[in-house]
C-alpha atoms as a PDB file:
ATOM      1  CA  MET A   1      84.547  -7.508  32.032  1.00  0.00           C
ATOM      2  CA  ALA A   2      87.023  -8.098  34.882  1.00  0.00           C
ATOM      3  CA  ALA A   3      89.631  -5.918  33.135  1.00  0.00           C
ATOM      4  CA  LYS A   4      87.164  -3.016  32.943  1.00  0.00           C
ATOM      5  CA  GLN A   5      86.415  -3.342  36.651  1.00  0.00           C
ATOM      6  CA  LEU A   6      90.130  -3.356  37.497  1.00  0.00           C
ATOM      7  CA  LYS A   7      90.709  -0.300  35.308  1.00  0.00           C
ATOM      8  CA  LYS A   8      87.979   1.623  37.154  1.00  0.00           C
ATOM      9  CA  ASP A   9      89.426   0.797  40.583  1.00  0.00           C
ATOM     10  CA  PRO A  10      91.400   3.880  41.771  1.00  0.00           C
ATOM     11  CA  ASP A  11      93.438   1.699  44.149  1.00  0.00           C
ATOM     12  CA  ILE A  12      94.895  -0.334  41.264  1.00  0.00           C
ATOM     13  CA  THR A  13      97.290   0.957  38.619  1.00  0.00           C
ATOM     14  CA  ILE A  14      97.764  -1.016  35.417  1.00  0.00           C
ATOM     15  CA  ARG A  15     101.065  -0.399  33.613  1.00  0.00           C
ATOM     16  CA  LYS A  16     102.921  -2.105  30.815  1.00  0.00           C
ATOM     17  CA  ALA A  17     105.896  -4.097  32.024  1.00  0.00           C
ATOM     18  CA  ASP A  18     109.270  -2.852  30.818  1.00  0.00           C
ATOM     19  CA  LYS A  19     110.791  -4.784  27.885  1.00  0.00           C
ATOM     20  CA  THR A  20     107.895  -7.262  27.607  1.00  0.00           C
ATOM     21  CA  ALA A  21     104.375  -7.330  26.213  1.00  0.00           C
ATOM     22  CA  ALA A  22     102.946  -8.106  29.667  1.00  0.00           C
ATOM     23  CA  TYR A  23     100.940  -5.804  31.896  1.00  0.00           C
ATOM     24  CA  VAL A  24     101.396  -5.380  35.631  1.00  0.00           C
ATOM     25  CA  LEU A  25      98.761  -4.649  38.262  1.00  0.00           C
ATOM     26  CA  MET A  26     100.016  -2.738  41.284  1.00  0.00           C
ATOM     27  CA  ASN A  27      98.696  -0.869  44.230  1.00  0.00           C
ATOM     28  CA  THR A  28      98.269   2.776  43.162  1.00  0.00           C
ATOM     29  CA  SER A  29      99.868   4.114  46.351  1.00  0.00           C
ATOM     30  CA  GLU A  30     102.951   1.915  45.739  1.00  0.00           C
ATOM     31  CA  TYR A  31     103.137   3.121  42.123  1.00  0.00           C
ATOM     32  CA  LEU A  32     102.872   6.780  43.184  1.00  0.00           C
ATOM     33  CA  ASP A  33     105.517   6.285  45.916  1.00  0.00           C
ATOM     34  CA  LYS A  34     107.919   4.802  43.349  1.00  0.00           C
ATOM     35  CA  MET A  35     107.233   7.653  40.900  1.00  0.00           C
ATOM     36  CA  ASP A  36     107.718  10.253  43.678  1.00  0.00           C
ATOM     37  CA  THR A  37     111.076   8.669  44.517  1.00  0.00           C
ATOM     38  CA  ILE A  38     112.173   8.906  40.886  1.00  0.00           C
ATOM     39  CA  LEU A  39     110.946  12.469  40.379  1.00  0.00           C
ATOM     40  CA  SER A  40     112.397  13.759  43.654  1.00  0.00           C
ATOM     41  CA  ASP A  41     115.946  13.087  42.411  1.00  0.00           C
ATOM     42  CA  GLU A  42     117.125  16.687  41.939  1.00  0.00           C
ATOM     43  CA  THR A  43     120.135  15.564  39.902  1.00  0.00           C
ATOM     44  CA  LYS A  44     117.716  14.478  37.151  1.00  0.00           C
ATOM     45  CA  PHE A  45     114.582  16.541  37.642  1.00  0.00           C
ATOM     46  CA  LYS A  46     113.875  20.149  38.551  1.00  0.00           C
ATOM     47  CA  LYS A  47     110.673  21.349  40.176  1.00  0.00           C
ATOM     48  CA  ILE A  48     109.072  24.233  38.360  1.00  0.00           C
ATOM     49  CA  SER A  49     106.594  26.748  39.695  1.00  0.00           C
ATOM     50  CA  LYS A  50     104.672  27.405  36.481  1.00  0.00           C
ATOM     51  CA  ASP A  51     103.933  25.774  33.165  1.00  0.00           C
ATOM     52  CA  PRO A  52     106.581  26.947  30.633  1.00  0.00           C
ATOM     53  CA  THR A  53     104.665  25.726  27.572  1.00  0.00           C
ATOM     54  CA  GLU A  54     103.327  29.083  26.306  1.00  0.00           C
ATOM     55  CA  SER A  55     106.646  30.927  26.714  1.00  0.00           C
ATOM     56  CA  LEU A  56     108.465  28.052  24.989  1.00  0.00           C
ATOM     57  CA  LYS A  57     105.939  28.176  22.145  1.00  0.00           C
ATOM     58  CA  LYS A  58     106.574  31.942  21.727  1.00  0.00           C
ATOM     59  CA  LYS A  59     110.368  31.464  21.747  1.00  0.00           C
ATOM     60  CA  LEU A  60     110.133  28.684  19.177  1.00  0.00           C
ATOM     61  CA  ASN A  61     107.896  30.771  16.920  1.00  0.00           C
ATOM     62  CA  LYS A  62     110.473  33.596  17.027  1.00  0.00           C
ATOM     63  CA  LEU A  63     113.232  31.142  16.069  1.00  0.00           C
ATOM     64  CA  ILE A  64     111.044  29.695  13.312  1.00  0.00           C
ATOM     65  CA  THR A  65     110.468  33.198  11.917  1.00  0.00           C
ATOM     66  CA  ILE A  66     114.203  33.945  11.977  1.00  0.00           C
ATOM     67  CA  ASN A  67     114.971  30.638  10.228  1.00  0.00           C
ATOM     68  CA  ASN A  68     112.226  30.993   7.635  1.00  0.00           C
ATOM     69  CA  ASP A  69     113.310  34.559   6.803  1.00  0.00           C
ATOM     70  CA  ALA A  70     116.986  33.595   6.492  1.00  0.00           C
ATOM     71  CA  ASN A  71     116.705  30.179   4.875  1.00  0.00           C
ATOM     72  CA  THR A  72     114.881  29.518   1.624  1.00  0.00           C
ATOM     73  CA  SER A  73     115.307  25.739   1.473  1.00  0.00           C
ATOM     74  CA  ILE A  74     114.189  24.615   4.942  1.00  0.00           C
ATOM     75  CA  LYS A  75     110.947  26.002   6.262  1.00  0.00           C
ATOM     76  CA  PHE A  76     109.300  25.219   9.585  1.00  0.00           C
ATOM     77  CA  ASN A  77     105.612  25.664  10.284  1.00  0.00           C
ATOM     78  CA  LYS A  78     104.690  28.135  12.998  1.00  0.00           C
ATOM     79  CA  LEU A  79     103.343  26.512  16.133  1.00  0.00           C
ATOM     80  CA  SER A  80      99.619  26.939  16.636  1.00  0.00           C
ATOM     81  CA  GLY A  81      97.098  25.065  18.672  1.00  0.00           C
ATOM     82  CA  VAL A  82      97.207  23.680  22.167  1.00  0.00           C
ATOM     83  CA  TYR A  83     100.362  22.142  23.584  1.00  0.00           C
ATOM     84  CA  ARG A  84     101.082  20.705  27.011  1.00  0.00           C
ATOM     85  CA  MET A  85     104.125  19.877  29.079  1.00  0.00           C
ATOM     86  CA  GLY A  86     105.549  16.413  28.667  1.00  0.00           C
ATOM     87  CA  TYR A  87     104.594  13.954  31.329  1.00  0.00           C
ATOM     88  CA  CYS A  88     106.247  11.086  33.115  1.00  0.00           C
ATOM     89  CA  TYR A  89     105.015   7.596  33.853  1.00  0.00           C
ATOM     90  CA  GLY A  90     106.761   4.410  34.896  1.00  0.00           C
ATOM     91  CA  ASN A  91     106.873   0.898  33.497  1.00  0.00           C
ATOM     92  CA  MET A  92     107.747  -1.834  35.974  1.00  0.00           C
ATOM     93  CA  LYS A  93     111.057  -3.623  35.514  1.00  0.00           C
ATOM     94  CA  THR A  94     109.776  -7.132  36.200  1.00  0.00           C
ATOM     95  CA  HIS A  95     113.193  -8.536  35.269  1.00  0.00           C
ATOM     96  CA  LYS A  96     114.942  -6.620  38.098  1.00  0.00           C
ATOM     97  CA  PRO A  97     114.875  -7.277  41.852  1.00  0.00           C
ATOM     98  CA  GLY A  98     112.566  -4.920  43.732  1.00  0.00           C
ATOM     99  CA  ASN A  99     110.406  -4.257  40.668  1.00  0.00           C
ATOM    100  CA  LYS A 100     111.680  -0.730  40.176  1.00  0.00           C
ATOM    101  CA  LEU A 101     110.065   1.529  37.602  1.00  0.00           C
ATOM    102  CA  ARG A 102     111.660   2.695  34.372  1.00  0.00           C
ATOM    103  CA  PRO A 103     110.635   6.331  33.972  1.00  0.00           C
ATOM    104  CA  ILE A 104     109.274   7.233  30.555  1.00  0.00           C
ATOM    105  CA  ILE A 105     108.987  10.929  29.699  1.00  0.00           C
ATOM    106  CA  THR A 106     106.745  11.542  26.743  1.00  0.00           C
ATOM    107  CA  GLN A 107     107.216  14.695  24.693  1.00  0.00           C
ATOM    108  CA  ILE A 108     104.475  14.130  22.119  1.00  0.00           C
ATOM    109  CA  SER A 109     102.206  16.865  23.475  1.00  0.00           C
ATOM    110  CA  THR A 110     104.994  19.489  23.727  1.00  0.00           C
ATOM    111  CA  PRO A 111     105.764  22.375  21.348  1.00  0.00           C
ATOM    112  CA  THR A 112     109.219  20.974  20.573  1.00  0.00           C
ATOM    113  CA  TYR A 113     108.091  17.516  19.428  1.00  0.00           C
ATOM    114  CA  GLY A 114     107.168  18.313  15.814  1.00  0.00           C
ATOM    115  CA  ILE A 115     110.262  20.438  15.268  1.00  0.00           C
ATOM    116  CA  ALA A 116     112.475  17.709  16.743  1.00  0.00           C
ATOM    117  CA  LYS A 117     110.977  15.184  14.312  1.00  0.00           C
ATOM    118  CA  GLN A 118     111.537  17.545  11.377  1.00  0.00           C
ATOM    119  CA  LEU A 119     115.135  18.213  12.452  1.00  0.00           C
ATOM    120  CA  CYS A 120     115.760  14.479  12.788  1.00  0.00           C
ATOM    121  CA  THR A 121     114.545  13.955   9.225  1.00  0.00           C
ATOM    122  CA  ILE A 122     116.797  16.767   7.976  1.00  0.00           C
ATOM    123  CA  LEU A 123     119.923  15.671   9.881  1.00  0.00           C
ATOM    124  CA  THR A 124     119.727  11.862   9.602  1.00  0.00           C
ATOM    125  CA  PRO A 125     121.075  11.671   6.015  1.00  0.00           C
ATOM    126  CA  TYR A 126     124.255  13.443   7.191  1.00  0.00           C
ATOM    127  CA  ILE A 127     125.043  10.968   9.966  1.00  0.00           C
ATOM    128  CA  PRO A 128     127.466   8.281   8.779  1.00  0.00           C
ATOM    129  CA  ALA A 129     125.969   4.798   9.072  1.00  0.00           C
ATOM    130  CA  ALA A 130     129.051   3.684  11.001  1.00  0.00           C
ATOM    131  CA  SER A 131     128.249   6.305  13.658  1.00  0.00           C
ATOM    132  CA  SER A 132     124.712   5.186  14.396  1.00  0.00           C
ATOM    133  CA  LEU A 133     123.082   2.159  15.969  1.00  0.00           C
ATOM    134  CA  HIS A 134     119.605   0.796  15.412  1.00  0.00           C
ATOM    135  CA  SER A 135     119.037  -0.626  18.881  1.00  0.00           C
ATOM    136  CA  ALA A 136     120.478  -1.262  22.313  1.00  0.00           C
ATOM    137  CA  THR A 137     121.106  -4.836  21.135  1.00  0.00           C
ATOM    138  CA  ASP A 138     123.468  -3.508  18.432  1.00  0.00           C
ATOM    139  CA  PHE A 139     125.365  -1.612  21.124  1.00  0.00           C
ATOM    140  CA  LEU A 140     125.623  -4.678  23.359  1.00  0.00           C
ATOM    141  CA  ASP A 141     126.828  -6.792  20.424  1.00  0.00           C
ATOM    142  CA  ILE A 142     129.616  -4.283  19.763  1.00  0.00           C
ATOM    143  CA  LEU A 143     130.660  -4.376  23.410  1.00  0.00           C
ATOM    144  CA  LYS A 144     130.623  -8.189  23.476  1.00  0.00           C
ATOM    145  CA  ASN A 145     132.701  -8.377  20.282  1.00  0.00           C
ATOM    146  CA  LYS A 146     135.248  -5.900  21.639  1.00  0.00           C
ATOM    147  CA  GLN A 147     135.477  -7.906  24.877  1.00  0.00           C
ATOM    148  CA  CYS A 148     135.921 -11.167  22.950  1.00  0.00           C
ATOM    149  CA  ASN A 149     138.604  -9.628  20.740  1.00  0.00           C
ATOM    150  CA  ARG A 150     140.387  -8.219  23.803  1.00  0.00           C
ATOM    151  CA  ASN A 151     140.327 -11.634  25.548  1.00  0.00           C
ATOM    152  CA  HIS A 152     141.594 -13.475  22.464  1.00  0.00           C
ATOM    153  CA  SER A 153     144.400 -11.028  21.788  1.00  0.00           C
ATOM    154  CA  PHE A 154     146.135 -12.052  25.029  1.00  0.00           C
ATOM    155  CA  SER A 155     146.087 -15.810  24.255  1.00  0.00           C
END
């Protein structure tokens, strides 16, 4: 009951904490200020004046037609239905000083999402296993091993 009341309060934002299963309650104005700071970084984000979703959908459908006409083995479905722009939200980094937000940009609602998944399925078998990692932990383990080997080689 208390959780439902908190969720209805427009002055409180409830977000999942980054890298944990915990949830964080924060003042909505603080959350929006942190998100504005992230999104105002023009080296990473560009303001747009209109929604590009419909024109992107048309361009993709043209490319799908070209591919489907030229290629007999790999066919893509034409895009139909309603799509939206991706959106951004932030998960709090409770493990970092200042409780910054990790921006998450979801693409699930966009016209490119389904095609990207299909392309991933097509291309993945051609990527050598030695060239891919399963997680950030794998990457960190490689770095640690290289550092250990480098330190031991000078002994």
